[in-house]
Amino acid sequence: VIPPPVIHIESYSDDSISFSLKMTTNIKVSGYVVNIYWTFDTHRQEKRTLIIEGEKSIQKVANLTAHTPYEISAWAKTELGDSPLSFVHVVTSGTRPASPSLKAKAINQTAVECSWTGPRNVVYGIFYATSFLELYRSPHNTTTSSHNVTVLVQRDEQYLFLV
């Protein structure tokens, strides 16, 4: 039986998490697959996937959001097959940034100008869809470090926007 890997949180800050991966077995490990999940504004679950080569590993994941819960899941790739999943949860330190205040204005039938307030030197995600279900499951999206973006949409549709 292949055991799940051990995920140990080494440290965390307001914008990063460092963790180690190891196996408690003599089975040869060729690498790990790690998923980092977080929920964006209770509407959208985001995920970052890391493919890690080798047996032991310490990883640092940066560009995270302060005071946000993250779930890290991992499985090992071994000579006998894939291991079961293991999970850990961690909340980054610091104070979560205030939600931006979004304004969306139609420029014409296929373009919407989105602008918002918020801190500088961060990356913003703009999500949009024609229903709440689509906004949650598979929204259109774009990212920018500015405070405005023009989004191209389909004509004769109503859209929901989230930044």
Protein backbone atom coordinates (compact mmCIF):
# COMPACT_ATOMS: atom_id res chain seq x y z
CA VAL A 1 0.00 0.00 0.00
CA ILE A 2 1.31 3.42 -0.96
CA PRO A 3 0.81 5.97 1.87
CA PRO A 4 -0.15 9.60 1.18
CA PRO A 5 2.67 12.15 1.34
CA VAL A 6 3.25 14.22 4.46
CA ILE A 7 2.73 17.96 3.89
CA HIS A 8 4.34 20.10 6.57
CA ILE A 9 3.84 23.88 6.68
CA GLU A 10 7.33 25.29 7.26
CA SER A 11 6.28 28.96 7.43
CA TYR A 12 3.77 31.45 6.10
CA SER A 13 3.46 35.21 5.77
CA ASP A 14 0.90 37.64 4.39
CA ASP A 15 1.79 36.76 0.78
CA SER A 16 3.50 33.34 0.78
CA ILE A 17 3.45 29.79 2.17
CA SER A 18 6.49 27.48 2.46
CA PHE A 19 5.86 23.76 2.87
CA SER A 20 7.76 20.48 2.68
CA LEU A 21 6.74 17.18 1.12
CA LYS A 22 8.03 13.75 2.07
CA MET A 23 6.97 10.12 2.03
CA THR A 24 7.15 7.78 5.03
CA THR A 25 7.99 4.73 2.92
CA ASN A 26 10.89 3.17 1.04
CA ILE A 27 8.95 3.26 -2.24
CA LYS A 28 10.83 5.28 -4.88
CA VAL A 29 9.15 8.66 -5.47
CA SER A 30 9.60 10.38 -8.83
CA GLY A 31 7.71 13.55 -7.90
CA TYR A 32 4.60 15.20 -6.54
CA VAL A 33 1.53 16.95 -7.86
CA VAL A 34 0.37 19.78 -5.60
CA ASN A 35 -2.83 21.82 -5.87
CA ILE A 36 -3.35 25.03 -3.91
CA TYR A 37 -7.01 26.08 -3.63
CA TRP A 38 -8.60 29.27 -2.36
CA THR A 39 -12.02 30.86 -2.70
CA PHE A 40 -12.29 34.22 -4.38
CA ASP A 41 -15.06 36.39 -2.88
CA THR A 42 -17.20 33.26 -2.10
CA HIS A 43 -18.09 33.05 -5.80
CA ARG A 44 -15.13 31.41 -7.45
CA GLN A 45 -12.69 28.74 -6.33
CA GLU A 46 -9.22 29.32 -7.71
CA LYS A 47 -6.46 26.75 -8.08
CA ARG A 48 -2.73 26.76 -8.73
CA THR A 49 -1.04 23.45 -9.68
CA LEU A 50 2.63 22.64 -9.11
CA ILE A 51 4.42 19.67 -10.69
CA ILE A 52 7.45 18.85 -8.54
CA GLU A 53 10.21 16.45 -9.54
CA GLY A 54 12.19 14.43 -6.99
CA GLU A 55 11.71 12.66 -3.65
CA LYS A 56 11.96 15.40 -1.00
CA SER A 57 10.90 18.90 -1.58
CA ILE A 58 10.53 22.27 0.10
CA GLN A 59 8.42 24.69 -1.88
CA LYS A 60 7.54 28.35 -1.49
CA VAL A 61 4.35 29.65 -3.09
CA ALA A 62 4.30 33.44 -3.41
CA ASN A 63 1.90 36.11 -4.70
CA LEU A 64 -0.85 35.07 -2.30
CA THR A 65 -3.42 37.25 -0.53
CA ALA A 66 -3.14 38.24 3.13
CA HIS A 67 -5.51 36.67 5.69
CA THR A 68 -6.90 34.15 3.20
CA PRO A 69 -7.56 30.43 3.84
CA TYR A 70 -5.65 28.10 1.51
CA GLU A 71 -5.98 24.34 1.07
CA ILE A 72 -2.93 22.43 -0.14
CA SER A 73 -3.44 18.92 -1.50
CA ALA A 74 -0.69 16.64 -2.79
CA TRP A 75 -0.09 13.16 -4.09
CA ALA A 76 3.14 11.38 -4.88
CA LYS A 77 4.07 9.77 -8.18
CA THR A 78 5.89 6.52 -7.35
CA GLU A 79 7.30 3.49 -9.14
CA LEU A 80 4.18 1.57 -8.02
CA GLY A 81 1.65 4.23 -9.04
CA ASP A 82 0.10 7.34 -7.55
CA SER A 83 -0.40 7.72 -3.80
CA PRO A 84 -3.63 8.82 -2.11
CA LEU A 85 -4.15 12.55 -1.55
CA SER A 86 -3.18 14.38 1.60
CA PHE A 87 -4.43 17.81 2.65
CA VAL A 88 -3.43 20.70 4.90
CA HIS A 89 -5.09 24.04 5.54
CA VAL A 90 -3.38 27.32 6.37
CA VAL A 91 -4.50 30.95 6.63
CA THR A 92 -1.97 33.56 5.53
CA SER A 93 -1.13 36.25 8.08
CA GLY A 94 -1.77 39.96 7.82
CA THR A 95 -4.90 41.92 7.01
CA ARG A 96 -6.97 41.02 3.98
CA PRO A 97 -7.14 43.91 1.49
CA ALA A 98 -10.46 45.73 1.20
CA SER A 99 -12.64 44.66 -1.71
CA PRO A 100 -12.34 47.00 -4.70
CA SER A 101 -15.30 49.18 -5.65
CA LEU A 102 -16.20 48.27 -9.24
CA LYS A 103 -17.96 50.40 -11.84
CA ALA A 104 -18.92 48.90 -15.20
CA LYS A 105 -20.08 51.13 -18.06
CA ALA A 106 -21.13 50.02 -21.54
CA ILE A 107 -19.10 51.76 -24.24
CA ASN A 108 -21.09 50.19 -27.06
CA GLN A 109 -22.98 46.91 -27.65
CA THR A 110 -19.83 44.76 -27.43
CA ALA A 111 -17.48 46.63 -25.06
CA VAL A 112 -17.69 47.40 -21.35
CA GLU A 113 -15.28 49.69 -19.52
CA CYS A 114 -14.59 48.37 -16.00
CA SER A 115 -12.86 50.59 -13.44
CA TRP A 116 -12.29 50.17 -9.71
CA THR A 117 -10.53 51.51 -6.67
CA GLY A 118 -7.91 49.63 -4.68
CA PRO A 119 -4.23 49.37 -3.80
CA ARG A 120 -1.47 49.84 -6.37
CA ASN A 121 1.16 47.24 -7.32
CA VAL A 122 -1.19 44.25 -7.13
CA VAL A 123 -2.78 42.07 -9.80
CA TYR A 124 -6.56 42.27 -10.20
CA GLY A 125 -8.75 39.57 -11.69
CA ILE A 126 -11.86 40.64 -13.59
CA PHE A 127 -14.53 37.93 -13.90
CA TYR A 128 -17.69 38.23 -15.95
CA ALA A 129 -20.57 36.02 -17.06
CA THR A 130 -24.23 36.12 -18.08
CA SER A 131 -25.49 34.32 -14.92
CA PHE A 132 -24.46 33.71 -11.32
CA LEU A 133 -24.03 30.00 -12.11
CA GLU A 134 -21.65 30.77 -14.99
CA LEU A 135 -19.86 33.36 -12.82
CA TYR A 136 -19.23 30.62 -10.25
CA ARG A 137 -18.42 27.70 -12.57
CA SER A 138 -16.70 29.07 -15.66
CA PRO A 139 -16.55 32.85 -15.99
CA HIS A 140 -14.68 34.75 -18.63
CA ASN A 141 -11.75 36.48 -17.00
CA THR A 142 -8.74 38.68 -17.47
CA THR A 143 -6.05 40.08 -15.19
CA THR A 144 -4.36 43.45 -14.99
CA SER A 145 -2.29 45.52 -12.59
CA SER A 146 -4.05 48.74 -13.63
CA HIS A 147 -7.36 50.05 -12.29
CA ASN A 148 -9.37 49.75 -15.47
CA VAL A 149 -9.85 47.43 -18.43
CA THR A 150 -12.12 47.25 -21.46
CA VAL A 151 -13.85 43.88 -21.76
CA LEU A 152 -15.32 42.61 -25.04
CA VAL A 153 -18.72 40.91 -24.67
CA GLN A 154 -21.46 39.43 -26.85
CA ARG A 155 -24.14 41.81 -28.01
CA ASP A 156 -27.72 41.54 -26.67
CA GLU A 157 -26.62 39.90 -23.39
CA GLN A 158 -26.65 41.13 -19.79
CA TYR A 159 -23.43 40.52 -17.82
CA LEU A 160 -22.39 40.29 -14.19
CA PHE A 161 -18.93 41.62 -13.32
CA LEU A 162 -16.66 40.91 -10.36
CA VAL A 163 -13.17 42.30 -9.63
